[in-house]
Amino acid sequence: MSNTELAARVLIQRYLRHRKIPRLMHDAAVVMVQSRLQKGTLPYLTDWMRNDIDNRAEPASADVQPGH
């Protein structure tokens, strides 16, 4: 397994947990990674996942104030 594929698998596992996607779907995601690797479109997928994780990591709402 190449470093690229390994890094993509780690990112996808993180993304699936982040999105709370059931474990049953994880294998399908790994297959998707392998097909994208062969097509050369994997960077688009991993960039999109990273952006999605980063965007969701921000505070949920600005109007929720602690201690009120």
PDB file of N, CA and C in Angstrom:
ATOM      1  N   MET A   1       0.855  -1.182   0.000  1.00  0.00           N
ATOM      2  CA  MET A   1       0.000   0.000   0.000  1.00  0.00           C
ATOM      3  C   MET A   1       0.897   1.240   0.000  1.00  0.00           C
ATOM      4  N   SER A   2       0.589   2.150  -0.880  1.00  0.00           N
ATOM      5  CA  SER A   2       1.401   3.366  -0.980  1.00  0.00           C
ATOM      6  C   SER A   2       1.085   4.314   0.175  1.00  0.00           C
ATOM      7  N   ASN A   3       1.986   5.248   0.408  1.00  0.00           N
ATOM      8  CA  ASN A   3       1.748   6.249   1.455  1.00  0.00           C
ATOM      9  C   ASN A   3       0.509   7.074   1.154  1.00  0.00           C
ATOM     10  N   THR A   4       0.294   7.363  -0.129  1.00  0.00           N
ATOM     11  CA  THR A   4      -0.881   8.147  -0.526  1.00  0.00           C
ATOM     12  C   THR A   4      -2.157   7.410  -0.163  1.00  0.00           C
ATOM     13  N   GLU A   5      -2.186   6.118  -0.488  1.00  0.00           N
ATOM     14  CA  GLU A   5      -3.380   5.323  -0.198  1.00  0.00           C
ATOM     15  C   GLU A   5      -3.590   5.196   1.306  1.00  0.00           C
ATOM     16  N   LEU A   6      -2.512   4.994   2.039  1.00  0.00           N
ATOM     17  CA  LEU A   6      -2.610   4.869   3.494  1.00  0.00           C
ATOM     18  C   LEU A   6      -3.128   6.168   4.113  1.00  0.00           C
ATOM     19  N   ALA A   7      -2.584   7.288   3.675  1.00  0.00           N
ATOM     20  CA  ALA A   7      -3.031   8.587   4.191  1.00  0.00           C
ATOM     21  C   ALA A   7      -4.504   8.816   3.863  1.00  0.00           C
ATOM     22  N   ALA A   8      -4.909   8.432   2.671  1.00  0.00           N
ATOM     23  CA  ALA A   8      -6.310   8.596   2.274  1.00  0.00           C
ATOM     24  C   ALA A   8      -7.217   7.725   3.129  1.00  0.00           C
ATOM     25  N   ARG A   9      -6.794   6.500   3.405  1.00  0.00           N
ATOM     26  CA  ARG A   9      -7.609   5.618   4.248  1.00  0.00           C
ATOM     27  C   ARG A   9      -7.772   6.187   5.652  1.00  0.00           C
ATOM     28  N   VAL A  10      -6.689   6.711   6.204  1.00  0.00           N
ATOM     29  CA  VAL A  10      -6.750   7.302   7.544  1.00  0.00           C
ATOM     30  C   VAL A  10      -7.704   8.492   7.544  1.00  0.00           C
ATOM     31  N   LEU A  11      -7.590   9.345   6.531  1.00  0.00           N
ATOM     32  CA  LEU A  11      -8.467  10.508   6.435  1.00  0.00           C
ATOM     33  C   LEU A  11      -9.923  10.073   6.305  1.00  0.00           C
ATOM     34  N   ILE A  12     -10.166   9.059   5.491  1.00  0.00           N
ATOM     35  CA  ILE A  12     -11.545   8.616   5.293  1.00  0.00           C
ATOM     36  C   ILE A  12     -12.107   8.010   6.567  1.00  0.00           C
ATOM     37  N   GLN A  13     -11.307   7.238   7.297  1.00  0.00           N
ATOM     38  CA  GLN A  13     -11.785   6.693   8.575  1.00  0.00           C
ATOM     39  C   GLN A  13     -12.151   7.838   9.521  1.00  0.00           C
ATOM     40  N   ARG A  14     -11.308   8.863   9.555  1.00  0.00           N
ATOM     41  CA  ARG A  14     -11.569  10.031  10.410  1.00  0.00           C
ATOM     42  C   ARG A  14     -12.853  10.743   9.974  1.00  0.00           C
ATOM     43  N   TYR A  15     -13.008  10.881   8.666  1.00  0.00           N
ATOM     44  CA  TYR A  15     -14.192  11.549   8.123  1.00  0.00           C
ATOM     45  C   TYR A  15     -15.460  10.766   8.456  1.00  0.00           C
ATOM     46  N   LEU A  16     -15.404   9.442   8.309  1.00  0.00           N
ATOM     47  CA  LEU A  16     -16.588   8.619   8.576  1.00  0.00           C
ATOM     48  C   LEU A  16     -16.981   8.698  10.047  1.00  0.00           C
ATOM     49  N   ARG A  17     -16.003   8.687  10.931  1.00  0.00           N
ATOM     50  CA  ARG A  17     -16.308   8.829  12.367  1.00  0.00           C
ATOM     51  C   ARG A  17     -16.869  10.221  12.647  1.00  0.00           C
ATOM     52  N   HIS A  18     -16.286  11.218  12.006  1.00  0.00           N
ATOM     53  CA  HIS A  18     -16.708  12.608  12.174  1.00  0.00           C
ATOM     54  C   HIS A  18     -18.168  12.779  11.762  1.00  0.00           C
ATOM     55  N   ARG A  19     -18.545  12.130  10.668  1.00  0.00           N
ATOM     56  CA  ARG A  19     -19.911  12.206  10.146  1.00  0.00           C
ATOM     57  C   ARG A  19     -20.838  11.175  10.796  1.00  0.00           C
ATOM     58  N   LYS A  20     -20.283  10.364  11.707  1.00  0.00           N
ATOM     59  CA  LYS A  20     -21.034   9.320  12.404  1.00  0.00           C
ATOM     60  C   LYS A  20     -21.698   8.347  11.420  1.00  0.00           C
ATOM     61  N   ILE A  21     -20.940   7.960  10.417  1.00  0.00           N
ATOM     62  CA  ILE A  21     -21.421   6.998   9.425  1.00  0.00           C
ATOM     63  C   ILE A  21     -21.173   5.594   9.976  1.00  0.00           C
ATOM     64  N   PRO A  22     -22.158   4.701   9.878  1.00  0.00           N
ATOM     65  CA  PRO A  22     -22.023   3.358  10.453  1.00  0.00           C
ATOM     66  C   PRO A  22     -20.837   2.590   9.876  1.00  0.00           C
ATOM     67  N   ARG A  23     -20.264   1.730  10.697  1.00  0.00           N
ATOM     68  CA  ARG A  23     -19.105   0.937  10.290  1.00  0.00           C
ATOM     69  C   ARG A  23     -19.367   0.107   9.036  1.00  0.00           C
ATOM     70  N   LEU A  24     -20.606  -0.292   8.836  1.00  0.00           N
ATOM     71  CA  LEU A  24     -20.936  -1.096   7.656  1.00  0.00           C
ATOM     72  C   LEU A  24     -20.572  -0.368   6.365  1.00  0.00           C
ATOM     73  N   MET A  25     -20.577   0.945   6.413  1.00  0.00           N
ATOM     74  CA  MET A  25     -20.289   1.736   5.215  1.00  0.00           C
ATOM     75  C   MET A  25     -18.788   1.962   5.005  1.00  0.00           C
ATOM     76  N   HIS A  26     -17.978   1.658   6.003  1.00  0.00           N
ATOM     77  CA  HIS A  26     -16.547   1.958   5.920  1.00  0.00           C
ATOM     78  C   HIS A  26     -15.863   1.194   4.789  1.00  0.00           C
ATOM     79  N   ASP A  27     -16.231  -0.087   4.613  1.00  0.00           N
ATOM     80  CA  ASP A  27     -15.607  -0.875   3.544  1.00  0.00           C
ATOM     81  C   ASP A  27     -15.923  -0.291   2.177  1.00  0.00           C
ATOM     82  N   ALA A  28     -17.155   0.165   2.014  1.00  0.00           N
ATOM     83  CA  ALA A  28     -17.542   0.779   0.739  1.00  0.00           C
ATOM     84  C   ALA A  28     -16.697   2.023   0.474  1.00  0.00           C
ATOM     85  N   ALA A  29     -16.399   2.762   1.523  1.00  0.00           N
ATOM     86  CA  ALA A  29     -15.584   3.968   1.369  1.00  0.00           C
ATOM     87  C   ALA A  29     -14.161   3.616   0.951  1.00  0.00           C
ATOM     88  N   VAL A  30     -13.626   2.526   1.502  1.00  0.00           N
ATOM     89  CA  VAL A  30     -12.269   2.106   1.139  1.00  0.00           C
ATOM     90  C   VAL A  30     -12.228   1.702  -0.335  1.00  0.00           C
ATOM     91  N   VAL A  31     -13.276   1.020  -0.795  1.00  0.00           N
ATOM     92  CA  VAL A  31     -13.356   0.649  -2.211  1.00  0.00           C
ATOM     93  C   VAL A  31     -13.395   1.907  -3.078  1.00  0.00           C
ATOM     94  N   MET A  32     -14.125   2.918  -2.622  1.00  0.00           N
ATOM     95  CA  MET A  32     -14.206   4.173  -3.359  1.00  0.00           C
ATOM     96  C   MET A  32     -12.821   4.823  -3.457  1.00  0.00           C
ATOM     97  N   VAL A  33     -12.057   4.756  -2.379  1.00  0.00           N
ATOM     98  CA  VAL A  33     -10.698   5.318  -2.386  1.00  0.00           C
ATOM     99  C   VAL A  33      -9.849   4.614  -3.435  1.00  0.00           C
ATOM    100  N   GLN A  34      -9.934   3.288  -3.469  1.00  0.00           N
ATOM    101  CA  GLN A  34      -9.115   2.537  -4.419  1.00  0.00           C
ATOM    102  C   GLN A  34      -9.490   2.871  -5.860  1.00  0.00           C
ATOM    103  N   SER A  35     -10.787   3.017  -6.136  1.00  0.00           N
ATOM    104  CA  SER A  35     -11.186   3.348  -7.509  1.00  0.00           C
ATOM    105  C   SER A  35     -10.739   4.765  -7.866  1.00  0.00           C
ATOM    106  N   ARG A  36     -10.803   5.679  -6.907  1.00  0.00           N
ATOM    107  CA  ARG A  36     -10.361   7.052  -7.177  1.00  0.00           C
ATOM    108  C   ARG A  36      -8.846   7.118  -7.365  1.00  0.00           C
ATOM    109  N   LEU A  37      -8.123   6.273  -6.642  1.00  0.00           N
ATOM    110  CA  LEU A  37      -6.673   6.208  -6.828  1.00  0.00           C
ATOM    111  C   LEU A  37      -6.357   5.807  -8.263  1.00  0.00           C
ATOM    112  N   GLN A  38      -7.073   4.817  -8.763  1.00  0.00           N
ATOM    113  CA  GLN A  38      -6.824   4.336 -10.121  1.00  0.00           C
ATOM    114  C   GLN A  38      -7.176   5.402 -11.156  1.00  0.00           C
ATOM    115  N   LYS A  39      -8.214   6.184 -10.878  1.00  0.00           N
ATOM    116  CA  LYS A  39      -8.643   7.223 -11.825  1.00  0.00           C
ATOM    117  C   LYS A  39      -7.826   8.508 -11.678  1.00  0.00           C
ATOM    118  N   GLY A  40      -7.113   8.634 -10.554  1.00  0.00           N
ATOM    119  CA  GLY A  40      -6.329   9.847 -10.325  1.00  0.00           C
ATOM    120  C   GLY A  40      -7.137  11.001  -9.748  1.00  0.00           C
ATOM    121  N   THR A  41      -8.330  10.713  -9.217  1.00  0.00           N
ATOM    122  CA  THR A  41      -9.175  11.788  -8.675  1.00  0.00           C
ATOM    123  C   THR A  41      -9.188  11.808  -7.148  1.00  0.00           C
ATOM    124  N   LEU A  42      -8.307  11.040  -6.523  1.00  0.00           N
ATOM    125  CA  LEU A  42      -8.290  10.974  -5.057  1.00  0.00           C
ATOM    126  C   LEU A  42      -8.031  12.327  -4.390  1.00  0.00           C
ATOM    127  N   PRO A  43      -7.104  13.161  -4.896  1.00  0.00           N
ATOM    128  CA  PRO A  43      -6.861  14.445  -4.215  1.00  0.00           C
ATOM    129  C   PRO A  43      -8.107  15.312  -4.082  1.00  0.00           C
ATOM    130  N   TYR A  44      -8.993  15.269  -5.075  1.00  0.00           N
ATOM    131  CA  TYR A  44     -10.225  16.060  -4.982  1.00  0.00           C
ATOM    132  C   TYR A  44     -11.078  15.585  -3.814  1.00  0.00           C
ATOM    133  N   LEU A  45     -11.185  14.268  -3.654  1.00  0.00           N
ATOM    134  CA  LEU A  45     -11.989  13.691  -2.576  1.00  0.00           C
ATOM    135  C   LEU A  45     -11.391  14.030  -1.215  1.00  0.00           C
ATOM    136  N   THR A  46     -10.081  13.847  -1.054  1.00  0.00           N
ATOM    137  CA  THR A  46      -9.468  14.086   0.252  1.00  0.00           C
ATOM    138  C   THR A  46      -9.495  15.569   0.616  1.00  0.00           C
ATOM    139  N   ASP A  47      -9.311  16.447  -0.360  1.00  0.00           N
ATOM    140  CA  ASP A  47      -9.396  17.888  -0.076  1.00  0.00           C
ATOM    141  C   ASP A  47     -10.797  18.265   0.387  1.00  0.00           C
ATOM    142  N   TRP A  48     -11.803  17.706  -0.280  1.00  0.00           N
ATOM    143  CA  TRP A  48     -13.186  17.993   0.080  1.00  0.00           C
ATOM    144  C   TRP A  48     -13.481  17.508   1.502  1.00  0.00           C
ATOM    145  N   MET A  49     -13.002  16.305   1.835  1.00  0.00           N
ATOM    146  CA  MET A  49     -13.234  15.766   3.181  1.00  0.00           C
ATOM    147  C   MET A  49     -12.548  16.622   4.238  1.00  0.00           C
ATOM    148  N   ARG A  50     -11.302  17.033   3.965  1.00  0.00           N
ATOM    149  CA  ARG A  50     -10.581  17.877   4.928  1.00  0.00           C
ATOM    150  C   ARG A  50     -11.332  19.179   5.168  1.00  0.00           C
ATOM    151  N   ASN A  51     -11.809  19.795   4.102  1.00  0.00           N
ATOM    152  CA  ASN A  51     -12.557  21.049   4.231  1.00  0.00           C
ATOM    153  C   ASN A  51     -13.829  20.843   5.033  1.00  0.00           C
ATOM    154  N   ASP A  52     -14.514  19.739   4.783  1.00  0.00           N
ATOM    155  CA  ASP A  52     -15.760  19.454   5.486  1.00  0.00           C
ATOM    156  C   ASP A  52     -15.495  19.257   6.985  1.00  0.00           C
ATOM    157  N   ILE A  53     -14.441  18.518   7.311  1.00  0.00           N
ATOM    158  CA  ILE A  53     -14.087  18.294   8.719  1.00  0.00           C
ATOM    159  C   ILE A  53     -13.726  19.629   9.375  1.00  0.00           C
ATOM    160  N   ASP A  54     -12.913  20.439   8.690  1.00  0.00           N
ATOM    161  CA  ASP A  54     -12.496  21.727   9.254  1.00  0.00           C
ATOM    162  C   ASP A  54     -13.684  22.656   9.467  1.00  0.00           C
ATOM    163  N   ASN A  55     -14.596  22.693   8.508  1.00  0.00           N
ATOM    164  CA  ASN A  55     -15.763  23.566   8.626  1.00  0.00           C
ATOM    165  C   ASN A  55     -16.663  23.149   9.780  1.00  0.00           C
ATOM    166  N   ARG A  56     -16.817  21.861   9.982  1.00  0.00           N
ATOM    167  CA  ARG A  56     -17.684  21.373  11.050  1.00  0.00           C
ATOM    168  C   ARG A  56     -17.011  21.470  12.417  1.00  0.00           C
ATOM    169  N   ALA A  57     -15.702  21.648  12.427  1.00  0.00           N
ATOM    170  CA  ALA A  57     -14.986  21.740  13.701  1.00  0.00           C
ATOM    171  C   ALA A  57     -15.190  23.097  14.362  1.00  0.00           C
ATOM    172  N   GLU A  58     -15.696  24.049  13.593  1.00  0.00           N
ATOM    173  CA  GLU A  58     -15.944  25.378  14.151  1.00  0.00           C
ATOM    174  C   GLU A  58     -17.123  25.317  15.119  1.00  0.00           C
ATOM    175  N   PRO A  59     -17.239  26.283  16.016  1.00  0.00           N
ATOM    176  CA  PRO A  59     -18.369  26.286  16.961  1.00  0.00           C
ATOM    177  C   PRO A  59     -19.706  26.213  16.226  1.00  0.00           C
ATOM    178  N   ALA A  60     -20.626  25.457  16.785  1.00  0.00           N
ATOM    179  CA  ALA A  60     -21.901  25.190  16.110  1.00  0.00           C
ATOM    180  C   ALA A  60     -22.699  26.463  15.879  1.00  0.00           C
ATOM    181  N   SER A  61     -22.748  27.317  16.882  1.00  0.00           N
ATOM    182  CA  SER A  61     -23.575  28.510  16.735  1.00  0.00           C
ATOM    183  C   SER A  61     -23.007  29.639  17.584  1.00  0.00           C
ATOM    184  N   ALA A  62     -22.998  30.826  17.011  1.00  0.00           N
ATOM    185  CA  ALA A  62     -22.449  31.979  17.724  1.00  0.00           C
ATOM    186  C   ALA A  62     -23.417  32.500  18.781  1.00  0.00           C
ATOM    187  N   ASP A  63     -24.716  32.152  18.658  1.00  0.00           N
ATOM    188  CA  ASP A  63     -25.687  32.708  19.603  1.00  0.00           C
ATOM    189  C   ASP A  63     -25.819  31.886  20.890  1.00  0.00           C
ATOM    190  N   VAL A  64     -25.104  30.772  20.984  1.00  0.00           N
ATOM    191  CA  VAL A  64     -25.103  29.996  22.229  1.00  0.00           C
ATOM    192  C   VAL A  64     -23.946  30.511  23.078  1.00  0.00           C
ATOM    193  N   GLN A  65     -24.272  31.087  24.215  1.00  0.00           N
ATOM    194  CA  GLN A  65     -23.236  31.675  25.052  1.00  0.00           C
ATOM    195  C   GLN A  65     -23.111  30.885  26.350  1.00  0.00           C
ATOM    196  N   PRO A  66     -21.907  30.509  26.715  1.00  0.00           N
ATOM    197  CA  PRO A  66     -21.729  29.737  27.951  1.00  0.00           C
ATOM    198  C   PRO A  66     -22.132  30.545  29.182  1.00  0.00           C
ATOM    199  N   GLY A  67     -22.767  29.872  30.132  1.00  0.00           N
ATOM    200  CA  GLY A  67     -23.132  30.520  31.388  1.00  0.00           C
ATOM    201  C   GLY A  67     -24.413  31.318  31.337  1.00  0.00           C
ATOM    202  N   HIS A  68     -25.169  31.220  30.260  1.00  0.00           N
ATOM    203  CA  HIS A  68     -26.439  31.964  30.169  1.00  0.00           C
ATOM    204  C   HIS A  68     -27.610  31.026  30.175  1.00  0.00           C
TER     205      HIS A  68
END
